[in-house]
Amino acid sequence: NHYPIMMSKSYNHSDIHNAQRKGNVTIAMNNVNVEDN
């Protein structure tokens, strides 16, 4: 049940959960179903 959605070479471990934009991001998988969403 693990689904990688987003990837980015612009963010490192410490800044991906912060508010600052670091660069573009891309997708791995897309359109995963969560409770019909």
PDB file of all heavy atoms in Angstrom:
ATOM      1  N   ASN A   1       0.799  -1.223   0.000  1.00  0.00           N
ATOM      2  CA  ASN A   1       0.000   0.000   0.000  1.00  0.00           C
ATOM      3  C   ASN A   1       0.837   1.280   0.000  1.00  0.00           C
ATOM      4  O   ASN A   1       0.366   2.331   0.435  1.00  0.00           O
ATOM      5  CB  ASN A   1      -0.967   0.015   1.189  1.00  0.00           C
ATOM      6  CG  ASN A   1      -1.818  -1.237   1.254  1.00  0.00           C
ATOM      7  OD1 ASN A   1      -2.524  -1.560   0.304  1.00  0.00           O
ATOM      8  ND2 ASN A   1      -1.718  -1.978   2.355  1.00  0.00           N
ATOM      9  N   HIS A   2       2.065   1.204  -0.488  1.00  0.00           N
ATOM     10  CA  HIS A   2       2.928   2.384  -0.598  1.00  0.00           C
ATOM     11  C   HIS A   2       2.911   2.893  -2.039  1.00  0.00           C
ATOM     12  O   HIS A   2       3.173   2.130  -2.978  1.00  0.00           O
ATOM     13  CB  HIS A   2       4.359   2.057  -0.174  1.00  0.00           C
ATOM     14  CG  HIS A   2       4.555   1.993   1.307  1.00  0.00           C
ATOM     15  ND1 HIS A   2       3.824   1.159   2.116  1.00  0.00           N
ATOM     16  CD2 HIS A   2       5.389   2.683   2.139  1.00  0.00           C
ATOM     17  CE1 HIS A   2       4.215   1.320   3.377  1.00  0.00           C
ATOM     18  NE2 HIS A   2       5.158   2.249   3.420  1.00  0.00           N
ATOM     19  N   TYR A   3       2.614   4.176  -2.194  1.00  0.00           N
ATOM     20  CA  TYR A   3       2.459   4.761  -3.520  1.00  0.00           C
ATOM     21  C   TYR A   3       3.255   6.067  -3.613  1.00  0.00           C
ATOM     22  O   TYR A   3       2.831   7.095  -3.075  1.00  0.00           O
ATOM     23  CB  TYR A   3       0.989   5.054  -3.804  1.00  0.00           C
ATOM     24  CG  TYR A   3       0.077   3.863  -3.611  1.00  0.00           C
ATOM     25  CD1 TYR A   3      -0.667   3.730  -2.437  1.00  0.00           C
ATOM     26  CD2 TYR A   3      -0.029   2.874  -4.577  1.00  0.00           C
ATOM     27  CE1 TYR A   3      -1.504   2.643  -2.239  1.00  0.00           C
ATOM     28  CE2 TYR A   3      -0.864   1.777  -4.391  1.00  0.00           C
ATOM     29  CZ  TYR A   3      -1.599   1.668  -3.217  1.00  0.00           C
ATOM     30  OH  TYR A   3      -2.424   0.583  -3.017  1.00  0.00           O
ATOM     31  N   PRO A   4       4.420   6.045  -4.272  1.00  0.00           N
ATOM     32  CA  PRO A   4       5.161   7.302  -4.441  1.00  0.00           C
ATOM     33  C   PRO A   4       4.436   8.212  -5.426  1.00  0.00           C
ATOM     34  O   PRO A   4       4.146   7.816  -6.557  1.00  0.00           O
ATOM     35  CB  PRO A   4       6.511   6.833  -4.997  1.00  0.00           C
ATOM     36  CG  PRO A   4       6.228   5.515  -5.642  1.00  0.00           C
ATOM     37  CD  PRO A   4       5.112   4.896  -4.868  1.00  0.00           C
ATOM     38  N   ILE A   5       4.137   9.426  -5.005  1.00  0.00           N
ATOM     39  CA  ILE A   5       3.362  10.358  -5.806  1.00  0.00           C
ATOM     40  C   ILE A   5       4.259  11.454  -6.395  1.00  0.00           C
ATOM     41  O   ILE A   5       4.290  11.668  -7.595  1.00  0.00           O
ATOM     42  CB  ILE A   5       2.256  11.028  -4.954  1.00  0.00           C
ATOM     43  CG1 ILE A   5       1.365   9.959  -4.300  1.00  0.00           C
ATOM     44  CG2 ILE A   5       1.424  11.977  -5.800  1.00  0.00           C
ATOM     45  CD1 ILE A   5       0.549   9.169  -5.269  1.00  0.00           C
ATOM     46  N   MET A   6       4.973  12.144  -5.541  1.00  0.00           N
ATOM     47  CA  MET A   6       5.751  13.311  -5.939  1.00  0.00           C
ATOM     48  C   MET A   6       7.233  13.070  -5.694  1.00  0.00           C
ATOM     49  O   MET A   6       7.610  12.433  -4.705  1.00  0.00           O
ATOM     50  CB  MET A   6       5.285  14.537  -5.131  1.00  0.00           C
ATOM     51  CG  MET A   6       6.077  15.808  -5.379  1.00  0.00           C
ATOM     52  SD  MET A   6       5.675  17.113  -4.166  1.00  0.00           S
ATOM     53  CE  MET A   6       4.043  17.574  -4.734  1.00  0.00           C
ATOM     54  N   MET A   7       8.066  13.586  -6.592  1.00  0.00           N
ATOM     55  CA  MET A   7       9.516  13.528  -6.422  1.00  0.00           C
ATOM     56  C   MET A   7      10.108  14.885  -6.777  1.00  0.00           C
ATOM     57  O   MET A   7       9.565  15.607  -7.609  1.00  0.00           O
ATOM     58  CB  MET A   7      10.142  12.463  -7.340  1.00  0.00           C
ATOM     59  CG  MET A   7       9.567  11.074  -7.228  1.00  0.00           C
ATOM     60  SD  MET A   7      10.420   9.880  -8.317  1.00  0.00           S
ATOM     61  CE  MET A   7       9.982  10.510  -9.950  1.00  0.00           C
ATOM     62  N   SER A   8      11.237  15.205  -6.149  1.00  0.00           N
ATOM     63  CA  SER A   8      11.897  16.462  -6.504  1.00  0.00           C
ATOM     64  C   SER A   8      13.369  16.435  -6.134  1.00  0.00           C
ATOM     65  O   SER A   8      13.737  16.055  -5.014  1.00  0.00           O
ATOM     66  CB  SER A   8      11.244  17.649  -5.798  1.00  0.00           C
ATOM     67  OG  SER A   8      11.907  18.854  -6.153  1.00  0.00           O
ATOM     68  N   LYS A   9      14.180  16.849  -7.082  1.00  0.00           N
ATOM     69  CA  LYS A   9      15.608  16.992  -6.821  1.00  0.00           C
ATOM     70  C   LYS A   9      15.922  18.357  -6.233  1.00  0.00           C
ATOM     71  O   LYS A   9      17.054  18.645  -5.850  1.00  0.00           O
ATOM     72  CB  LYS A   9      16.389  16.791  -8.123  1.00  0.00           C
ATOM     73  CG  LYS A   9      17.761  16.189  -7.924  1.00  0.00           C
ATOM     74  CD  LYS A   9      18.342  15.704  -9.232  1.00  0.00           C
ATOM     75  CE  LYS A   9      19.654  14.970  -8.999  1.00  0.00           C
ATOM     76  NZ  LYS A   9      19.488  13.717  -8.260  1.00  0.00           N
ATOM     77  N   SER A  10      14.906  19.218  -6.154  1.00  0.00           N
ATOM     78  CA  SER A  10      15.110  20.582  -5.649  1.00  0.00           C
ATOM     79  C   SER A  10      15.016  20.664  -4.130  1.00  0.00           C
ATOM     80  O   SER A  10      15.497  21.622  -3.530  1.00  0.00           O
ATOM     81  CB  SER A  10      14.070  21.523  -6.262  1.00  0.00           C
ATOM     82  OG  SER A  10      14.184  21.553  -7.664  1.00  0.00           O
ATOM     83  N   TYR A  11      14.387  19.668  -3.504  1.00  0.00           N
ATOM     84  CA  TYR A  11      14.181  19.674  -2.053  1.00  0.00           C
ATOM     85  C   TYR A  11      15.041  18.606  -1.406  1.00  0.00           C
ATOM     86  O   TYR A  11      15.214  17.511  -1.945  1.00  0.00           O
ATOM     87  CB  TYR A  11      12.716  19.404  -1.709  1.00  0.00           C
ATOM     88  CG  TYR A  11      11.773  20.509  -2.134  1.00  0.00           C
ATOM     89  CD1 TYR A  11      11.272  20.577  -3.425  1.00  0.00           C
ATOM     90  CD2 TYR A  11      11.374  21.485  -1.222  1.00  0.00           C
ATOM     91  CE1 TYR A  11      10.412  21.587  -3.825  1.00  0.00           C
ATOM     92  CE2 TYR A  11      10.502  22.505  -1.605  1.00  0.00           C
ATOM     93  CZ  TYR A  11      10.037  22.555  -2.909  1.00  0.00           C
ATOM     94  OH  TYR A  11       9.184  23.560  -3.288  1.00  0.00           O
ATOM     95  N   ASN A  12      15.570  18.910  -0.228  1.00  0.00           N
ATOM     96  CA  ASN A  12      16.283  17.899   0.547  1.00  0.00           C
ATOM     97  C   ASN A  12      15.426  17.453   1.732  1.00  0.00           C
ATOM     98  O   ASN A  12      14.286  17.890   1.890  1.00  0.00           O
ATOM     99  CB  ASN A  12      17.657  18.410   0.995  1.00  0.00           C
ATOM    100  CG  ASN A  12      17.577  19.611   1.923  1.00  0.00           C
ATOM    101  OD1 ASN A  12      16.802  19.645   2.871  1.00  0.00           O
ATOM    102  ND2 ASN A  12      18.411  20.624   1.650  1.00  0.00           N
ATOM    103  N   HIS A  13      15.982  16.597   2.561  1.00  0.00           N
ATOM    104  CA  HIS A  13      15.226  15.991   3.647  1.00  0.00           C
ATOM    105  C   HIS A  13      14.622  17.023   4.599  1.00  0.00           C
ATOM    106  O   HIS A  13      13.487  16.878   5.042  1.00  0.00           O
ATOM    107  CB  HIS A  13      16.141  15.052   4.441  1.00  0.00           C
ATOM    108  CG  HIS A  13      15.434  14.235   5.478  1.00  0.00           C
ATOM    109  ND1 HIS A  13      14.775  13.064   5.180  1.00  0.00           N
ATOM    110  CD2 HIS A  13      15.275  14.422   6.816  1.00  0.00           C
ATOM    111  CE1 HIS A  13      14.245  12.563   6.276  1.00  0.00           C
ATOM    112  NE2 HIS A  13      14.533  13.361   7.291  1.00  0.00           N
ATOM    113  N   SER A  14      15.370  18.056   4.898  1.00  0.00           N
ATOM    114  CA  SER A  14      14.969  18.991   5.942  1.00  0.00           C
ATOM    115  C   SER A  14      14.013  20.076   5.479  1.00  0.00           C
ATOM    116  O   SER A  14      13.333  20.687   6.302  1.00  0.00           O
ATOM    117  CB  SER A  14      16.217  19.651   6.554  1.00  0.00           C
ATOM    118  OG  SER A  14      17.057  18.686   7.133  1.00  0.00           O
ATOM    119  N   ASP A  15      13.953  20.332   4.170  1.00  0.00           N
ATOM    120  CA  ASP A  15      13.129  21.469   3.754  1.00  0.00           C
ATOM    121  C   ASP A  15      11.838  21.099   3.018  1.00  0.00           C
ATOM    122  O   ASP A  15      11.028  21.972   2.718  1.00  0.00           O
ATOM    123  CB  ASP A  15      13.942  22.463   2.916  1.00  0.00           C
ATOM    124  CG  ASP A  15      14.601  21.866   1.687  1.00  0.00           C
ATOM    125  OD1 ASP A  15      14.063  20.896   1.123  1.00  0.00           O
ATOM    126  OD2 ASP A  15      15.666  22.376   1.284  1.00  0.00           O
ATOM    127  N   ILE A  16      11.607  19.806   2.758  1.00  0.00           N
ATOM    128  CA  ILE A  16      10.409  19.449   2.004  1.00  0.00           C
ATOM    129  C   ILE A  16       9.118  19.713   2.787  1.00  0.00           C
ATOM    130  O   ILE A  16       8.060  19.915   2.200  1.00  0.00           O
ATOM    131  CB  ILE A  16      10.455  17.973   1.528  1.00  0.00           C
ATOM    132  CG1 ILE A  16       9.341  17.714   0.496  1.00  0.00           C
ATOM    133  CG2 ILE A  16      10.382  17.021   2.708  1.00  0.00           C
ATOM    134  CD1 ILE A  16       9.431  16.382  -0.191  1.00  0.00           C
ATOM    135  N   HIS A  17       9.197  19.752   4.124  1.00  0.00           N
ATOM    136  CA  HIS A  17       7.975  19.980   4.911  1.00  0.00           C
ATOM    137  C   HIS A  17       7.807  21.453   5.305  1.00  0.00           C
ATOM    138  O   HIS A  17       6.875  21.791   6.036  1.00  0.00           O
ATOM    139  CB  HIS A  17       7.979  19.112   6.166  1.00  0.00           C
ATOM    140  CG  HIS A  17       8.959  19.533   7.231  1.00  0.00           C
ATOM    141  ND1 HIS A  17      10.317  19.473   7.051  1.00  0.00           N
ATOM    142  CD2 HIS A  17       8.766  20.025   8.477  1.00  0.00           C
ATOM    143  CE1 HIS A  17      10.915  19.902   8.140  1.00  0.00           C
ATOM    144  NE2 HIS A  17      10.009  20.252   9.022  1.00  0.00           N
ATOM    145  N   ASN A  18       8.667  22.308   4.800  1.00  0.00           N
ATOM    146  CA  ASN A  18       8.595  23.726   5.147  1.00  0.00           C
ATOM    147  C   ASN A  18       7.816  24.528   4.099  1.00  0.00           C
ATOM    148  O   ASN A  18       7.368  23.997   3.087  1.00  0.00           O
ATOM    149  CB  ASN A  18      10.000  24.294   5.320  1.00  0.00           C
ATOM    150  CG  ASN A  18      10.678  23.755   6.566  1.00  0.00           C
ATOM    151  OD1 ASN A  18      10.012  23.420   7.549  1.00  0.00           O
ATOM    152  ND2 ASN A  18      11.998  23.656   6.534  1.00  0.00           N
ATOM    153  N   ALA A  19       7.690  25.824   4.345  1.00  0.00           N
ATOM    154  CA  ALA A  19       6.854  26.678   3.500  1.00  0.00           C
ATOM    155  C   ALA A  19       7.592  27.223   2.283  1.00  0.00           C
ATOM    156  O   ALA A  19       6.958  27.687   1.335  1.00  0.00           O
ATOM    157  CB  ALA A  19       6.311  27.846   4.335  1.00  0.00           C
ATOM    158  N   GLN A  20       8.917  27.180   2.288  1.00  0.00           N
ATOM    159  CA  GLN A  20       9.681  27.813   1.223  1.00  0.00           C
ATOM    160  C   GLN A  20       9.693  26.958  -0.044  1.00  0.00           C
ATOM    161  O   GLN A  20       9.863  25.739   0.021  1.00  0.00           O
ATOM    162  CB  GLN A  20      11.123  28.063   1.670  1.00  0.00           C
ATOM    163  CG  GLN A  20      11.282  29.090   2.768  1.00  0.00           C
ATOM    164  CD  GLN A  20      10.877  28.545   4.134  1.00  0.00           C
ATOM    165  OE1 GLN A  20      10.987  27.354   4.378  1.00  0.00           O
ATOM    166  NE2 GLN A  20      10.406  29.414   5.018  1.00  0.00           N
ATOM    167  N   ARG A  21       9.503  27.627  -1.181  1.00  0.00           N
ATOM    168  CA  ARG A  21       9.618  26.935  -2.453  1.00  0.00           C
ATOM    169  C   ARG A  21      11.093  26.796  -2.813  1.00  0.00           C
ATOM    170  O   ARG A  21      11.868  27.729  -2.713  1.00  0.00           O
ATOM    171  CB  ARG A  21       8.899  27.702  -3.559  1.00  0.00           C
ATOM    172  CG  ARG A  21       9.044  27.024  -4.914  1.00  0.00           C
ATOM    173  CD  ARG A  21       8.587  27.869  -6.085  1.00  0.00           C
ATOM    174  NE  ARG A  21       8.907  27.180  -7.336  1.00  0.00           N
ATOM    175  CZ  ARG A  21      10.051  27.308  -7.997  1.00  0.00           C
ATOM    176  NH1 ARG A  21      10.991  28.132  -7.537  1.00  0.00           N
ATOM    177  NH2 ARG A  21      10.270  26.630  -9.110  1.00  0.00           N
ATOM    178  N   LYS A  22      11.492  25.603  -3.242  1.00  0.00           N
ATOM    179  CA  LYS A  22      12.886  25.357  -3.613  1.00  0.00           C
ATOM    180  C   LYS A  22      13.065  25.080  -5.102  1.00  0.00           C
ATOM    181  O   LYS A  22      14.164  25.231  -5.626  1.00  0.00           O
ATOM    182  CB  LYS A  22      13.429  24.163  -2.809  1.00  0.00           C
ATOM    183  CG  LYS A  22      13.498  24.393  -1.311  1.00  0.00           C
ATOM    184  CD  LYS A  22      14.518  25.456  -0.961  1.00  0.00           C
ATOM    185  CE  LYS A  22      14.640  25.652   0.534  1.00  0.00           C
ATOM    186  NZ  LYS A  22      15.684  26.629   0.901  1.00  0.00           N
ATOM    187  N   GLY A  23      11.998  24.666  -5.783  1.00  0.00           N
ATOM    188  CA  GLY A  23      12.134  24.363  -7.204  1.00  0.00           C
ATOM    189  C   GLY A  23      11.003  23.485  -7.689  1.00  0.00           C
ATOM    190  O   GLY A  23      10.075  23.160  -6.942  1.00  0.00           O
ATOM    191  N   ASN A  24      11.077  23.078  -8.937  1.00  0.00           N
ATOM    192  CA  ASN A  24      10.025  22.268  -9.533  1.00  0.00           C
ATOM    193  C   ASN A  24       9.982  20.861  -8.943  1.00  0.00           C
ATOM    194  O   ASN A  24      10.999  20.339  -8.467  1.00  0.00           O
ATOM    195  CB  ASN A  24      10.229  22.159 -11.047  1.00  0.00           C
ATOM    196  CG  ASN A  24       9.883  23.452 -11.760  1.00  0.00           C
ATOM    197  OD1 ASN A  24       9.169  24.298 -11.227  1.00  0.00           O
ATOM    198  ND2 ASN A  24      10.386  23.608 -12.978  1.00  0.00           N
ATOM    199  N   VAL A  25       8.815  20.258  -9.009  1.00  0.00           N
ATOM    200  CA  VAL A  25       8.636  18.878  -8.583  1.00  0.00           C
ATOM    201  C   VAL A  25       7.976  18.110  -9.721  1.00  0.00           C
ATOM    202  O   VAL A  25       7.344  18.691 -10.606  1.00  0.00           O
ATOM    203  CB  VAL A  25       7.800  18.759  -7.290  1.00  0.00           C
ATOM    204  CG1 VAL A  25       8.404  19.572  -6.169  1.00  0.00           C
ATOM    205  CG2 VAL A  25       6.356  19.188  -7.527  1.00  0.00           C
ATOM    206  N   THR A  26       8.141  16.801  -9.688  1.00  0.00           N
ATOM    207  CA  THR A  26       7.551  15.953 -10.717  1.00  0.00           C
ATOM    208  C   THR A  26       6.735  14.848 -10.058  1.00  0.00           C
ATOM    209  O   THR A  26       6.612  14.800  -8.832  1.00  0.00           O
ATOM    210  CB  THR A  26       8.646  15.361 -11.623  1.00  0.00           C
ATOM    211  OG1 THR A  26       8.034  14.716 -12.744  1.00  0.00           O
ATOM    212  CG2 THR A  26       9.524  14.360 -10.870  1.00  0.00           C
ATOM    213  N   ILE A  27       6.151  13.978 -10.864  1.00  0.00           N
ATOM    214  CA  ILE A  27       5.333  12.897 -10.326  1.00  0.00           C
ATOM    215  C   ILE A  27       6.008  11.559 -10.557  1.00  0.00           C
ATOM    216  O   ILE A  27       6.812  11.396 -11.481  1.00  0.00           O
ATOM    217  CB  ILE A  27       3.921  12.873 -10.951  1.00  0.00           C
ATOM    218  CG1 ILE A  27       4.012  12.732 -12.482  1.00  0.00           C
ATOM    219  CG2 ILE A  27       3.130  14.103 -10.560  1.00  0.00           C
ATOM    220  CD1 ILE A  27       2.704  12.386 -13.137  1.00  0.00           C
ATOM    221  N   ALA A  28       5.672  10.581  -9.718  1.00  0.00           N
ATOM    222  CA  ALA A  28       6.070   9.196  -9.940  1.00  0.00           C
ATOM    223  C   ALA A  28       4.825   8.439 -10.396  1.00  0.00           C
ATOM    224  O   ALA A  28       4.639   8.146 -11.560  1.00  0.00           O
ATOM    225  CB  ALA A  28       6.650   8.605  -8.667  1.00  0.00           C
ATOM    226  N   MET A  29       3.937   8.159  -9.447  1.00  0.00           N
ATOM    227  CA  MET A  29       2.597   7.692  -9.785  1.00  0.00           C
ATOM    228  C   MET A  29       1.666   8.906  -9.711  1.00  0.00           C
ATOM    229  O   MET A  29       1.980   9.901  -9.085  1.00  0.00           O
ATOM    230  CB  MET A  29       2.120   6.638  -8.787  1.00  0.00           C
ATOM    231  CG  MET A  29       2.967   5.392  -8.726  1.00  0.00           C
ATOM    232  SD  MET A  29       2.331   4.234  -7.477  1.00  0.00           S
ATOM    233  CE  MET A  29       3.587   2.952  -7.531  1.00  0.00           C
ATOM    234  N   ASN A  30       0.517   8.796 -10.348  1.00  0.00           N
ATOM    235  CA  ASN A  30      -0.455   9.878 -10.279  1.00  0.00           C
ATOM    236  C   ASN A  30      -1.853   9.268 -10.197  1.00  0.00           C
ATOM    237  O   ASN A  30      -2.075   8.137 -10.642  1.00  0.00           O
ATOM    238  CB  ASN A  30      -0.334  10.793 -11.490  1.00  0.00           C
ATOM    239  CG  ASN A  30      -0.760  12.226 -11.195  1.00  0.00           C
ATOM    240  OD1 ASN A  30      -1.042  12.583 -10.045  1.00  0.00           O
ATOM    241  ND2 ASN A  30      -0.789  13.063 -12.216  1.00  0.00           N
ATOM    242  N   ASN A  31      -2.773  10.008  -9.610  1.00  0.00           N
ATOM    243  CA  ASN A  31      -4.169   9.584  -9.539  1.00  0.00           C
ATOM    244  C   ASN A  31      -4.350   8.296  -8.727  1.00  0.00           C
ATOM    245  O   ASN A  31      -4.760   7.253  -9.234  1.00  0.00           O
ATOM    246  CB  ASN A  31      -4.747   9.405 -10.940  1.00  0.00           C
ATOM    247  CG  ASN A  31      -4.643  10.666 -11.769  1.00  0.00           C
ATOM    248  OD1 ASN A  31      -4.932  11.750 -11.284  1.00  0.00           O
ATOM    249  ND2 ASN A  31      -4.199  10.534 -13.015  1.00  0.00           N
ATOM    250  N   VAL A  32      -4.028   8.371  -7.443  1.00  0.00           N
ATOM    251  CA  VAL A  32      -4.221   7.269  -6.504  1.00  0.00           C
ATOM    252  C   VAL A  32      -5.565   7.456  -5.801  1.00  0.00           C
ATOM    253  O   VAL A  32      -5.905   8.561  -5.381  1.00  0.00           O
ATOM    254  CB  VAL A  32      -3.076   7.217  -5.473  1.00  0.00           C
ATOM    255  CG1 VAL A  32      -3.345   6.163  -4.414  1.00  0.00           C
ATOM    256  CG2 VAL A  32      -1.754   6.944  -6.176  1.00  0.00           C
ATOM    257  N   ASN A  33      -6.316   6.368  -5.663  1.00  0.00           N
ATOM    258  CA  ASN A  33      -7.642   6.444  -5.053  1.00  0.00           C
ATOM    259  C   ASN A  33      -7.557   6.360  -3.538  1.00  0.00           C
ATOM    260  O   ASN A  33      -6.966   5.429  -2.995  1.00  0.00           O
ATOM    261  CB  ASN A  33      -8.531   5.319  -5.584  1.00  0.00           C
ATOM    262  CG  ASN A  33      -9.964   5.416  -5.060  1.00  0.00           C
ATOM    263  OD1 ASN A  33     -10.280   4.980  -3.962  1.00  0.00           O
ATOM    264  ND2 ASN A  33     -10.828   5.999  -5.874  1.00  0.00           N
ATOM    265  N   VAL A  34      -8.137   7.340  -2.866  1.00  0.00           N
ATOM    266  CA  VAL A  34      -8.228   7.347  -1.407  1.00  0.00           C
ATOM    267  C   VAL A  34      -9.683   7.579  -1.025  1.00  0.00           C
ATOM    268  O   VAL A  34     -10.204   8.689  -1.188  1.00  0.00           O
ATOM    269  CB  VAL A  34      -7.340   8.449  -0.790  1.00  0.00           C
ATOM    270  CG1 VAL A  34      -7.581   8.544   0.721  1.00  0.00           C
ATOM    271  CG2 VAL A  34      -5.870   8.174  -1.068  1.00  0.00           C
ATOM    272  N   GLU A  35     -10.350   6.527  -0.600  1.00  0.00           N
ATOM    273  CA  GLU A  35     -11.759   6.642  -0.197  1.00  0.00           C
ATOM    274  C   GLU A  35     -12.592   7.329  -1.283  1.00  0.00           C
ATOM    275  O   GLU A  35     -13.355   8.263  -1.014  1.00  0.00           O
ATOM    276  CB  GLU A  35     -11.864   7.424   1.122  1.00  0.00           C
ATOM    277  CG  GLU A  35     -11.221   6.736   2.308  1.00  0.00           C
ATOM    278  CD  GLU A  35     -12.081   5.615   2.876  1.00  0.00           C
ATOM    279  OE1 GLU A  35     -13.243   5.872   3.187  1.00  0.00           O
ATOM    280  OE2 GLU A  35     -11.567   4.481   2.983  1.00  0.00           O
ATOM    281  N   ASP A  36     -12.422   6.855  -2.514  1.00  0.00           N
ATOM    282  CA  ASP A  36     -13.145   7.394  -3.676  1.00  0.00           C
ATOM    283  C   ASP A  36     -12.746   8.823  -4.037  1.00  0.00           C
ATOM    284  O   ASP A  36     -13.435   9.487  -4.825  1.00  0.00           O
ATOM    285  CB  ASP A  36     -14.668   7.324  -3.462  1.00  0.00           C
ATOM    286  CG  ASP A  36     -15.163   5.890  -3.358  1.00  0.00           C
ATOM    287  OD1 ASP A  36     -14.601   5.019  -4.057  1.00  0.00           O
ATOM    288  OD2 ASP A  36     -16.105   5.644  -2.574  1.00  0.00           O
ATOM    289  N   ASN A  37     -11.660   9.296  -3.484  1.00  0.00           N
ATOM    290  CA  ASN A  37     -11.096  10.589  -3.878  1.00  0.00           C
ATOM    291  C   ASN A  37      -9.859  10.338  -4.731  1.00  0.00           C
ATOM    292  O   ASN A  37      -8.989   9.535  -4.371  1.00  0.00           O
ATOM    293  CB  ASN A  37     -10.707  11.420  -2.657  1.00  0.00           C
ATOM    294  CG  ASN A  37     -11.902  11.845  -1.831  1.00  0.00           C
ATOM    295  OD1 ASN A  37     -12.649  12.733  -2.227  1.00  0.00           O
ATOM    296  ND2 ASN A  37     -12.091  11.211  -0.681  1.00  0.00           N
TER     297      ASN A  37
END
